[in-house]
Every structure is written in C-alpha cells, then in structure tokens.
Amino acid sequence: MPTLDQIRACFSGDRFATEAAGVIIDVAQPGYAVCSMPIRPIHLNANSVPMGGAVFTLADFTFAVASNGHSARITVTQQVSATFLAPARGKTLTAEAKCLKAGRATCLYTVDVTDDLGTQVAHLTVNGFTMDPKPKQET
C-alpha cells in the first residue's frame, strides 16, 4: 500500500491542481481522500470570492486521489453534478471525497467542499469510469 508521500509524489504530475491551484493532499485512503487549498488572489472572482472553477478543481482532484491513489487501475471523471451552496469566506478550502459504490467499470463518489469557517461551499456527486492502464510500449 503506498504511503501518503508516495501518493503526493505520484499526483505532483497533476501540475494544474498542485502547482497552479496549490492543492495539498492531506489524507489518502482507498476510496477516501481529503485535500485542501489555501485561497489566493488568483482563485477569486470579480466578487472577491473563490470562483466555481477553483472550487471544482479542488473537488475533482480530491476525487482523483480517492479513486486512484491506491489502485493499479485508472479512474477518470465521467460525469459530475455540482451544487454550489455558499461563497467561501475563509482562508482555506477543504474537500472530502467518499466512495459510495465501486464496481468493475464505474464508481460513484460524493465530494463535499467547506471553508475553514465551517461553511459548506459545494456538494458534488461524481461518476467515474475505471479502466486498466495502457500497457507500456517497449522501446
């Protein structure tokens, strides 16, 4: 079973989430993950609150960690339903992804995003599609 540091190293390749957005993997277990993102000026919209795209990036990345961090197979987002509930007012966003059902080819997760003041910012349901990785080509 990979360690948290190994999972962080693996997902460092997702440069948009980890470098541009600044998402941090806090917890990674099979079917479960918690990630956080300090709110920076680049995340804010014209109303000075984190834009939906920043919230979604955090949520989608957290789903990716929960569904892929401990698996030899690859799971990708197939469909998402996102409900934005309230603007974040704190300094940090946290997303928690939980697996509700994992089958052979599909899975269903919930992802809840809150700020550090306890505000529930968004709730997402994510359908994932799971497949075997492509075989490595010999050179």
C-alpha atoms as a PDB file:
ATOM      1  CA  MET A   1       0.000   0.000   0.000  1.00  0.00           C
ATOM      2  CA  PRO A   2       1.548   3.359  -0.981  1.00  0.00           C
ATOM      3  CA  THR A   3       2.401   5.915   1.672  1.00  0.00           C
ATOM      4  CA  LEU A   4       0.957   9.427   1.705  1.00  0.00           C
ATOM      5  CA  ASP A   5       4.291  10.797   0.469  1.00  0.00           C
ATOM      6  CA  GLN A   6       4.301   8.322  -2.438  1.00  0.00           C
ATOM      7  CA  ILE A   7       0.766   9.336  -3.381  1.00  0.00           C
ATOM      8  CA  ARG A   8       1.737  13.015  -3.196  1.00  0.00           C
ATOM      9  CA  ALA A   9       4.724  12.310  -5.462  1.00  0.00           C
ATOM     10  CA  CYS A  10       2.516  10.462  -7.961  1.00  0.00           C
ATOM     11  CA  PHE A  11      -0.044  13.281  -8.100  1.00  0.00           C
ATOM     12  CA  SER A  12       2.611  16.000  -8.363  1.00  0.00           C
ATOM     13  CA  GLY A  13       2.332  15.290 -12.089  1.00  0.00           C
ATOM     14  CA  ASP A  14      -1.081  16.982 -11.990  1.00  0.00           C
ATOM     15  CA  ARG A  15       0.591  20.357 -12.199  1.00  0.00           C
ATOM     16  CA  PHE A  16      -2.552  22.446 -12.672  1.00  0.00           C
ATOM     17  CA  ALA A  17      -4.020  21.288  -9.362  1.00  0.00           C
ATOM     18  CA  THR A  18      -0.790  21.077  -7.367  1.00  0.00           C
ATOM     19  CA  GLU A  19       1.215  23.994  -8.743  1.00  0.00           C
ATOM     20  CA  ALA A  20      -1.230  26.490 -10.261  1.00  0.00           C
ATOM     21  CA  ALA A  21      -4.106  25.946  -7.819  1.00  0.00           C
ATOM     22  CA  GLY A  22      -1.939  24.945  -4.843  1.00  0.00           C
ATOM     23  CA  VAL A  23      -3.932  21.873  -3.780  1.00  0.00           C
ATOM     24  CA  ILE A  24      -2.410  19.804  -0.957  1.00  0.00           C
ATOM     25  CA  ILE A  25      -3.214  16.125  -0.340  1.00  0.00           C
ATOM     26  CA  ASP A  26      -3.938  15.799   3.392  1.00  0.00           C
ATOM     27  CA  VAL A  27      -5.382  12.264   3.603  1.00  0.00           C
ATOM     28  CA  ALA A  28      -5.412   9.445   1.045  1.00  0.00           C
ATOM     29  CA  GLN A  29      -7.012   6.083   1.750  1.00  0.00           C
ATOM     30  CA  PRO A  30      -8.667   3.580  -0.569  1.00  0.00           C
ATOM     31  CA  GLY A  31     -11.919   5.246  -1.669  1.00  0.00           C
ATOM     32  CA  TYR A  32     -11.395   8.302   0.515  1.00  0.00           C
ATOM     33  CA  ALA A  33      -9.353  11.490   0.368  1.00  0.00           C
ATOM     34  CA  VAL A  34      -9.126  14.936   1.915  1.00  0.00           C
ATOM     35  CA  CYS A  35      -7.359  17.763   0.099  1.00  0.00           C
ATOM     36  CA  SER A  36      -7.038  21.435   0.935  1.00  0.00           C
ATOM     37  CA  MET A  37      -6.300  24.604  -0.981  1.00  0.00           C
ATOM     38  CA  PRO A  38      -5.239  27.911   0.553  1.00  0.00           C
ATOM     39  CA  ILE A  39      -7.359  30.635  -1.052  1.00  0.00           C
ATOM     40  CA  ARG A  40      -5.121  33.007  -3.001  1.00  0.00           C
ATOM     41  CA  PRO A  41      -5.985  36.119  -5.022  1.00  0.00           C
ATOM     42  CA  ILE A  42      -5.801  34.112  -8.268  1.00  0.00           C
ATOM     43  CA  HIS A  43      -8.747  31.968  -7.073  1.00  0.00           C
ATOM     44  CA  LEU A  44     -11.071  34.951  -6.595  1.00  0.00           C
ATOM     45  CA  ASN A  45     -13.740  36.147  -8.997  1.00  0.00           C
ATOM     46  CA  ALA A  46     -14.909  39.738  -9.518  1.00  0.00           C
ATOM     47  CA  ASN A  47     -16.972  39.463  -6.298  1.00  0.00           C
ATOM     48  CA  SER A  48     -13.826  38.612  -4.279  1.00  0.00           C
ATOM     49  CA  VAL A  49     -14.898  35.040  -3.505  1.00  0.00           C
ATOM     50  CA  PRO A  50     -13.360  31.827  -4.883  1.00  0.00           C
ATOM     51  CA  MET A  51     -14.735  31.190  -8.362  1.00  0.00           C
ATOM     52  CA  GLY A  52     -16.578  27.981  -9.132  1.00  0.00           C
ATOM     53  CA  GLY A  53     -13.730  26.727 -11.301  1.00  0.00           C
ATOM     54  CA  ALA A  54     -11.301  26.900  -8.377  1.00  0.00           C
ATOM     55  CA  VAL A  55     -13.749  25.036  -6.128  1.00  0.00           C
ATOM     56  CA  PHE A  56     -14.325  22.457  -8.863  1.00  0.00           C
ATOM     57  CA  THR A  57     -10.589  21.935  -9.430  1.00  0.00           C
ATOM     58  CA  LEU A  58     -10.139  21.120  -5.738  1.00  0.00           C
ATOM     59  CA  ALA A  59     -13.138  18.753  -5.730  1.00  0.00           C
ATOM     60  CA  ASP A  60     -12.181  16.936  -8.949  1.00  0.00           C
ATOM     61  CA  PHE A  61      -8.579  16.487  -7.818  1.00  0.00           C
ATOM     62  CA  THR A  62      -9.763  15.111  -4.455  1.00  0.00           C
ATOM     63  CA  PHE A  63     -11.942  12.590  -6.298  1.00  0.00           C
ATOM     64  CA  ALA A  64      -8.901  11.603  -8.391  1.00  0.00           C
ATOM     65  CA  VAL A  65      -6.805  10.983  -5.274  1.00  0.00           C
ATOM     66  CA  ALA A  66      -9.568   8.959  -3.583  1.00  0.00           C
ATOM     67  CA  SER A  67     -10.259   6.801  -6.623  1.00  0.00           C
ATOM     68  CA  ASN A  68      -6.703   6.353  -7.944  1.00  0.00           C
ATOM     69  CA  GLY A  69      -4.318   6.722  -5.008  1.00  0.00           C
ATOM     70  CA  HIS A  70      -4.424   3.062  -4.011  1.00  0.00           C
ATOM     71  CA  SER A  71      -5.376   1.430  -7.299  1.00  0.00           C
ATOM     72  CA  ALA A  72      -3.406  -0.131 -10.142  1.00  0.00           C
ATOM     73  CA  ARG A  73      -6.326   0.763 -12.425  1.00  0.00           C
ATOM     74  CA  ILE A  74      -7.134   4.258 -13.721  1.00  0.00           C
ATOM     75  CA  THR A  75     -10.362   6.053 -12.852  1.00  0.00           C
ATOM     76  CA  VAL A  76     -11.375   9.205 -14.704  1.00  0.00           C
ATOM     77  CA  THR A  77     -14.265  11.569 -14.161  1.00  0.00           C
ATOM     78  CA  GLN A  78     -17.146  10.588 -16.414  1.00  0.00           C
ATOM     79  CA  GLN A  79     -19.938  12.855 -15.152  1.00  0.00           C
ATOM     80  CA  VAL A  80     -20.260  15.398 -12.346  1.00  0.00           C
ATOM     81  CA  SER A  81     -23.182  17.130 -10.713  1.00  0.00           C
ATOM     82  CA  ALA A  82     -22.023  20.150  -8.728  1.00  0.00           C
ATOM     83  CA  THR A  83     -24.187  22.250  -6.463  1.00  0.00           C
ATOM     84  CA  PHE A  84     -22.560  25.437  -5.220  1.00  0.00           C
ATOM     85  CA  LEU A  85     -24.159  26.188  -1.866  1.00  0.00           C
ATOM     86  CA  ALA A  86     -22.474  29.312  -0.479  1.00  0.00           C
ATOM     87  CA  PRO A  87     -19.499  31.554  -1.152  1.00  0.00           C
ATOM     88  CA  ALA A  88     -16.340  30.697   0.758  1.00  0.00           C
ATOM     89  CA  ARG A  89     -15.302  33.408   3.194  1.00  0.00           C
ATOM     90  CA  GLY A  90     -12.387  31.750   4.963  1.00  0.00           C
ATOM     91  CA  LYS A  91      -8.736  31.403   4.051  1.00  0.00           C
ATOM     92  CA  THR A  92      -8.681  27.700   3.084  1.00  0.00           C
ATOM     93  CA  LEU A  93     -10.982  25.312   1.221  1.00  0.00           C
ATOM     94  CA  THR A  94     -11.109  21.619   2.113  1.00  0.00           C
ATOM     95  CA  ALA A  95     -12.631  18.843   0.005  1.00  0.00           C
ATOM     96  CA  GLU A  96     -13.567  15.396   1.278  1.00  0.00           C
ATOM     97  CA  ALA A  97     -14.239  12.623  -1.247  1.00  0.00           C
ATOM     98  CA  LYS A  98     -16.017   9.407  -0.249  1.00  0.00           C
ATOM     99  CA  CYS A  99     -16.740   6.342  -2.342  1.00  0.00           C
ATOM    100  CA  LEU A 100     -20.380   5.286  -2.271  1.00  0.00           C
ATOM    101  CA  LYS A 101     -20.040   2.417  -4.769  1.00  0.00           C
ATOM    102  CA  ALA A 102     -17.168   0.988  -6.782  1.00  0.00           C
ATOM    103  CA  GLY A 103     -17.889  -1.545  -9.489  1.00  0.00           C
ATOM    104  CA  ARG A 104     -15.797  -3.161 -12.202  1.00  0.00           C
ATOM    105  CA  ALA A 105     -16.077  -0.258 -14.648  1.00  0.00           C
ATOM    106  CA  THR A 106     -17.857   2.575 -12.843  1.00  0.00           C
ATOM    107  CA  CYS A 107     -17.930   4.194  -9.432  1.00  0.00           C
ATOM    108  CA  LEU A 108     -19.903   6.832  -7.558  1.00  0.00           C
ATOM    109  CA  TYR A 109     -18.392   9.330  -5.122  1.00  0.00           C
ATOM    110  CA  THR A 110     -19.555  12.335  -3.164  1.00  0.00           C
ATOM    111  CA  VAL A 111     -17.279  15.303  -2.636  1.00  0.00           C
ATOM    112  CA  ASP A 112     -18.059  17.997  -0.074  1.00  0.00           C
ATOM    113  CA  VAL A 113     -16.166  21.287  -0.064  1.00  0.00           C
ATOM    114  CA  THR A 114     -16.062  23.503   3.035  1.00  0.00           C
ATOM    115  CA  ASP A 115     -14.071  26.528   4.110  1.00  0.00           C
ATOM    116  CA  ASP A 116     -12.129  26.871   7.340  1.00  0.00           C
ATOM    117  CA  LEU A 117     -15.033  28.801   8.907  1.00  0.00           C
ATOM    118  CA  GLY A 118     -17.263  25.723   8.553  1.00  0.00           C
ATOM    119  CA  THR A 119     -19.269  26.954   5.565  1.00  0.00           C
ATOM    120  CA  GLN A 120     -20.380  24.194   3.220  1.00  0.00           C
ATOM    121  CA  VAL A 121     -19.368  25.671  -0.130  1.00  0.00           C
ATOM    122  CA  ALA A 122     -20.276  22.877  -2.574  1.00  0.00           C
ATOM    123  CA  HIS A 123     -21.556  19.327  -2.846  1.00  0.00           C
ATOM    124  CA  LEU A 124     -20.674  17.164  -5.840  1.00  0.00           C
ATOM    125  CA  THR A 125     -21.565  13.687  -6.997  1.00  0.00           C
ATOM    126  CA  VAL A 126     -19.004  12.177  -9.339  1.00  0.00           C
ATOM    127  CA  ASN A 127     -19.455   9.186 -11.614  1.00  0.00           C
ATOM    128  CA  GLY A 128     -16.113   7.700 -12.535  1.00  0.00           C
ATOM    129  CA  PHE A 129     -15.099   5.325 -15.289  1.00  0.00           C
ATOM    130  CA  THR A 130     -12.438   2.764 -14.346  1.00  0.00           C
ATOM    131  CA  MET A 131     -10.139   1.038 -16.820  1.00  0.00           C
ATOM    132  CA  ASP A 132      -6.887  -0.848 -16.991  1.00  0.00           C
ATOM    133  CA  PRO A 133      -3.835   1.273 -17.825  1.00  0.00           C
ATOM    134  CA  LYS A 134      -2.390   1.039 -21.302  1.00  0.00           C
ATOM    135  CA  PRO A 135       0.468  -1.430 -21.477  1.00  0.00           C
ATOM    136  CA  LYS A 136       3.874   0.220 -21.628  1.00  0.00           C
ATOM    137  CA  GLN A 137       5.392   0.057 -25.080  1.00  0.00           C
ATOM    138  CA  GLU A 138       8.819  -1.448 -25.414  1.00  0.00           C
ATOM    139  CA  THR A 139      11.449   0.834 -26.921  1.00  0.00           C
END
